[in-house]
Amino acid sequence: MSSSKPSLTYEQALAEGRKVGARRASDPALMALFCADTLQYVVGAVAPQLVWEGAQAQGLRSKDLVRLCATDPLAVSDLMWAESGSS
């Protein structure tokens, strides 16, 4: 899991995911869909965009974020404060 700047913004990734659907979405777009539509049901009060940005900055893939949601919701919350180099 390497730290890198995302090539898309959250809004761009979410728009891509909604346009092509989860099945055909790139991993950042799939993660944006998960964050926008499911994340708060799984881990509670978190900001989907901030979690997505933190996960992207940490080099996580969608499957890593889903696993983290199931095993360590507090770590998911911590992603909101990860350095992303954007904003």
N, C-alpha and C. Protein backbone atom coordinates (compact mmCIF):
# COMPACT_ATOMS: atom_id res chain seq x y z
N MET A 1 0.83 -1.17 0.00
CA MET A 1 0.00 0.00 0.00
C MET A 1 0.88 1.24 0.00
N SER A 2 1.05 1.81 -1.15
CA SER A 2 1.91 2.97 -1.27
C SER A 2 1.08 4.24 -1.29
N SER A 3 1.71 5.31 -0.85
CA SER A 3 1.05 6.60 -0.83
C SER A 3 1.21 7.26 -2.19
N SER A 4 0.09 7.68 -2.77
CA SER A 4 0.16 8.34 -4.06
C SER A 4 -1.02 9.29 -4.19
N LYS A 5 -0.85 10.29 -5.04
CA LYS A 5 -1.92 11.24 -5.29
C LYS A 5 -2.90 10.64 -6.29
N PRO A 6 -4.19 10.66 -5.98
CA PRO A 6 -5.16 10.08 -6.90
C PRO A 6 -5.18 10.83 -8.23
N SER A 7 -5.42 10.10 -9.32
CA SER A 7 -5.47 10.72 -10.64
C SER A 7 -6.82 11.37 -10.89
N LEU A 8 -7.82 10.99 -10.13
CA LEU A 8 -9.16 11.56 -10.23
C LEU A 8 -9.55 12.20 -8.92
N THR A 9 -10.43 13.17 -8.98
CA THR A 9 -11.03 13.67 -7.75
C THR A 9 -12.15 12.72 -7.36
N TYR A 10 -12.62 12.84 -6.13
CA TYR A 10 -13.74 12.03 -5.67
C TYR A 10 -14.95 12.23 -6.58
N GLU A 11 -15.25 13.47 -6.90
CA GLU A 11 -16.41 13.77 -7.73
C GLU A 11 -16.28 13.13 -9.11
N GLN A 12 -15.08 13.19 -9.69
CA GLN A 12 -14.86 12.58 -11.00
C GLN A 12 -14.99 11.06 -10.93
N ALA A 13 -14.42 10.47 -9.89
CA ALA A 13 -14.51 9.02 -9.72
C ALA A 13 -15.95 8.58 -9.51
N LEU A 14 -16.69 9.33 -8.70
CA LEU A 14 -18.09 8.99 -8.45
C LEU A 14 -18.91 9.12 -9.73
N ALA A 15 -18.68 10.17 -10.48
CA ALA A 15 -19.40 10.35 -11.75
C ALA A 15 -19.08 9.20 -12.71
N GLU A 16 -17.81 8.81 -12.78
CA GLU A 16 -17.44 7.69 -13.64
C GLU A 16 -18.15 6.42 -13.21
N GLY A 17 -18.13 6.16 -11.91
CA GLY A 17 -18.77 4.95 -11.40
C GLY A 17 -20.26 4.91 -11.68
N ARG A 18 -20.91 6.04 -11.52
CA ARG A 18 -22.36 6.10 -11.79
C ARG A 18 -22.65 5.97 -13.28
N LYS A 19 -21.73 6.45 -14.10
CA LYS A 19 -21.94 6.38 -15.55
C LYS A 19 -21.78 4.96 -16.07
N VAL A 20 -20.72 4.28 -15.66
CA VAL A 20 -20.43 2.96 -16.22
C VAL A 20 -20.92 1.81 -15.36
N GLY A 21 -21.24 2.08 -14.11
CA GLY A 21 -21.69 1.03 -13.20
C GLY A 21 -20.54 0.34 -12.49
N ALA A 22 -20.83 -0.26 -11.37
CA ALA A 22 -19.80 -0.88 -10.53
C ALA A 22 -19.04 -1.98 -11.27
N ARG A 23 -19.72 -2.71 -12.09
CA ARG A 23 -19.09 -3.84 -12.79
C ARG A 23 -17.98 -3.41 -13.74
N ARG A 24 -18.14 -2.24 -14.35
CA ARG A 24 -17.17 -1.77 -15.34
C ARG A 24 -16.30 -0.62 -14.82
N ALA A 25 -16.49 -0.22 -13.58
CA ALA A 25 -15.78 0.93 -13.04
C ALA A 25 -14.32 0.61 -12.72
N SER A 26 -13.48 1.63 -12.83
CA SER A 26 -12.10 1.51 -12.37
C SER A 26 -12.13 1.36 -10.85
N ASP A 27 -11.03 0.94 -10.26
CA ASP A 27 -11.03 0.75 -8.81
C ASP A 27 -11.33 2.05 -8.05
N PRO A 28 -10.75 3.20 -8.43
CA PRO A 28 -11.11 4.44 -7.71
C PRO A 28 -12.60 4.76 -7.83
N ALA A 29 -13.18 4.51 -8.99
CA ALA A 29 -14.61 4.76 -9.18
C ALA A 29 -15.45 3.78 -8.37
N LEU A 30 -15.04 2.53 -8.34
CA LEU A 30 -15.74 1.53 -7.53
C LEU A 30 -15.70 1.92 -6.06
N MET A 31 -14.53 2.36 -5.60
CA MET A 31 -14.40 2.78 -4.20
C MET A 31 -15.27 4.00 -3.93
N ALA A 32 -15.34 4.93 -4.87
CA ALA A 32 -16.19 6.12 -4.69
C ALA A 32 -17.66 5.71 -4.56
N LEU A 33 -18.10 4.76 -5.39
CA LEU A 33 -19.47 4.25 -5.27
C LEU A 33 -19.71 3.63 -3.90
N PHE A 34 -18.77 2.82 -3.46
CA PHE A 34 -18.89 2.18 -2.15
C PHE A 34 -18.97 3.23 -1.05
N CYS A 35 -18.09 4.23 -1.12
CA CYS A 35 -18.07 5.28 -0.10
C CYS A 35 -19.37 6.08 -0.10
N ALA A 36 -19.88 6.41 -1.28
CA ALA A 36 -21.08 7.22 -1.39
C ALA A 36 -22.34 6.47 -0.98
N ASP A 37 -22.41 5.18 -1.29
CA ASP A 37 -23.66 4.45 -1.14
C ASP A 37 -23.73 3.47 0.03
N THR A 38 -22.59 3.02 0.54
CA THR A 38 -22.59 1.94 1.52
C THR A 38 -21.81 2.25 2.78
N LEU A 39 -20.76 3.01 2.67
CA LEU A 39 -19.80 3.20 3.75
C LEU A 39 -20.44 3.59 5.09
N GLN A 40 -21.34 4.55 5.09
CA GLN A 40 -21.93 5.01 6.35
C GLN A 40 -22.82 3.96 7.00
N TYR A 41 -23.39 3.08 6.22
CA TYR A 41 -24.17 1.98 6.79
C TYR A 41 -23.27 0.99 7.50
N VAL A 42 -22.06 0.85 7.02
CA VAL A 42 -21.14 -0.15 7.54
C VAL A 42 -20.37 0.35 8.76
N VAL A 43 -19.85 1.58 8.69
CA VAL A 43 -18.98 2.06 9.78
C VAL A 43 -19.55 3.24 10.55
N GLY A 44 -20.63 3.83 10.10
CA GLY A 44 -21.22 4.93 10.86
C GLY A 44 -20.86 6.30 10.31
N ALA A 45 -20.74 7.23 11.23
CA ALA A 45 -20.60 8.65 10.89
C ALA A 45 -19.20 8.99 10.38
N VAL A 46 -19.03 8.85 9.09
CA VAL A 46 -17.79 9.24 8.42
C VAL A 46 -18.17 10.05 7.18
N ALA A 47 -17.22 10.82 6.69
CA ALA A 47 -17.43 11.59 5.47
C ALA A 47 -16.92 10.78 4.28
N PRO A 48 -17.82 10.32 3.42
CA PRO A 48 -17.41 9.46 2.31
C PRO A 48 -16.26 10.03 1.48
N GLN A 49 -16.33 11.31 1.14
CA GLN A 49 -15.27 11.88 0.31
C GLN A 49 -13.93 11.88 1.03
N LEU A 50 -13.92 12.22 2.31
CA LEU A 50 -12.66 12.24 3.05
C LEU A 50 -12.08 10.85 3.22
N VAL A 51 -12.94 9.86 3.44
CA VAL A 51 -12.45 8.47 3.54
C VAL A 51 -11.87 8.05 2.20
N TRP A 52 -12.58 8.36 1.10
CA TRP A 52 -12.08 8.01 -0.23
C TRP A 52 -10.72 8.66 -0.49
N GLU A 53 -10.61 9.95 -0.20
CA GLU A 53 -9.35 10.66 -0.42
C GLU A 53 -8.22 10.06 0.43
N GLY A 54 -8.51 9.74 1.68
CA GLY A 54 -7.50 9.13 2.54
C GLY A 54 -7.09 7.75 2.06
N ALA A 55 -8.06 6.98 1.63
CA ALA A 55 -7.77 5.63 1.11
C ALA A 55 -6.93 5.71 -0.16
N GLN A 56 -7.26 6.64 -1.03
CA GLN A 56 -6.47 6.83 -2.25
C GLN A 56 -5.05 7.26 -1.91
N ALA A 57 -4.91 8.18 -0.96
CA ALA A 57 -3.59 8.67 -0.57
C ALA A 57 -2.74 7.55 0.04
N GLN A 58 -3.39 6.61 0.71
CA GLN A 58 -2.68 5.49 1.32
C GLN A 58 -2.45 4.34 0.34
N GLY A 59 -2.96 4.47 -0.87
CA GLY A 59 -2.77 3.43 -1.88
C GLY A 59 -3.65 2.22 -1.68
N LEU A 60 -4.76 2.38 -0.98
CA LEU A 60 -5.67 1.25 -0.76
C LEU A 60 -6.49 0.98 -2.01
N ARG A 61 -6.85 -0.26 -2.20
CA ARG A 61 -7.77 -0.66 -3.26
C ARG A 61 -9.14 -0.86 -2.62
N SER A 62 -10.15 -0.98 -3.43
CA SER A 62 -11.52 -1.14 -2.91
C SER A 62 -11.62 -2.33 -1.95
N LYS A 63 -11.02 -3.46 -2.34
CA LYS A 63 -11.11 -4.64 -1.49
C LYS A 63 -10.43 -4.41 -0.14
N ASP A 64 -9.36 -3.59 -0.13
CA ASP A 64 -8.69 -3.26 1.14
C ASP A 64 -9.60 -2.44 2.03
N LEU A 65 -10.30 -1.47 1.44
CA LEU A 65 -11.21 -0.63 2.22
C LEU A 65 -12.37 -1.45 2.77
N VAL A 66 -12.93 -2.32 1.95
CA VAL A 66 -14.03 -3.17 2.42
C VAL A 66 -13.57 -4.05 3.58
N ARG A 67 -12.40 -4.63 3.46
CA ARG A 67 -11.85 -5.47 4.53
C ARG A 67 -11.64 -4.65 5.80
N LEU A 68 -11.12 -3.44 5.64
CA LEU A 68 -10.90 -2.56 6.78
C LEU A 68 -12.22 -2.20 7.46
N CYS A 69 -13.26 -1.97 6.67
CA CYS A 69 -14.58 -1.67 7.24
C CYS A 69 -15.07 -2.81 8.12
N ALA A 70 -14.80 -4.03 7.69
CA ALA A 70 -15.26 -5.21 8.43
C ALA A 70 -14.42 -5.50 9.66
N THR A 71 -13.16 -5.10 9.64
CA THR A 71 -12.27 -5.49 10.73
C THR A 71 -11.87 -4.36 11.67
N ASP A 72 -11.87 -3.11 11.17
CA ASP A 72 -11.37 -2.00 11.99
C ASP A 72 -12.04 -0.68 11.59
N PRO A 73 -13.30 -0.47 11.98
CA PRO A 73 -14.01 0.76 11.63
C PRO A 73 -13.30 2.03 12.09
N LEU A 74 -12.58 1.96 13.20
CA LEU A 74 -11.86 3.16 13.65
C LEU A 74 -10.73 3.53 12.69
N ALA A 75 -10.11 2.54 12.08
CA ALA A 75 -9.08 2.82 11.08
C ALA A 75 -9.69 3.47 9.85
N VAL A 76 -10.91 3.09 9.52
CA VAL A 76 -11.62 3.73 8.40
C VAL A 76 -11.84 5.20 8.74
N SER A 77 -12.27 5.46 9.95
CA SER A 77 -12.46 6.84 10.40
C SER A 77 -11.15 7.63 10.33
N ASP A 78 -10.06 6.99 10.70
CA ASP A 78 -8.74 7.65 10.65
C ASP A 78 -8.34 8.04 9.23
N LEU A 79 -8.87 7.34 8.22
CA LEU A 79 -8.53 7.69 6.84
C LEU A 79 -8.99 9.10 6.49
N MET A 80 -10.00 9.61 7.19
CA MET A 80 -10.47 10.97 6.91
C MET A 80 -9.39 12.01 7.18
N TRP A 81 -8.42 11.66 8.00
CA TRP A 81 -7.38 12.61 8.39
C TRP A 81 -6.04 12.28 7.77
N ALA A 82 -6.01 11.31 6.87
CA ALA A 82 -4.76 10.95 6.19
C ALA A 82 -4.36 12.07 5.24
N GLU A 83 -3.08 12.29 5.13
CA GLU A 83 -2.57 13.32 4.22
C GLU A 83 -2.85 12.90 2.79
N SER A 84 -3.57 13.74 2.06
CA SER A 84 -3.86 13.41 0.67
C SER A 84 -3.15 14.34 -0.30
N GLY A 85 -2.67 15.47 0.18
CA GLY A 85 -2.01 16.41 -0.70
C GLY A 85 -2.95 17.16 -1.61
N SER A 86 -4.27 16.98 -1.42
CA SER A 86 -5.24 17.71 -2.23
C SER A 86 -6.04 18.66 -1.37
N SER A 87 -6.91 19.41 -1.97
CA SER A 87 -7.81 20.39 -1.35
C SER A 87 -7.25 21.77 -1.45
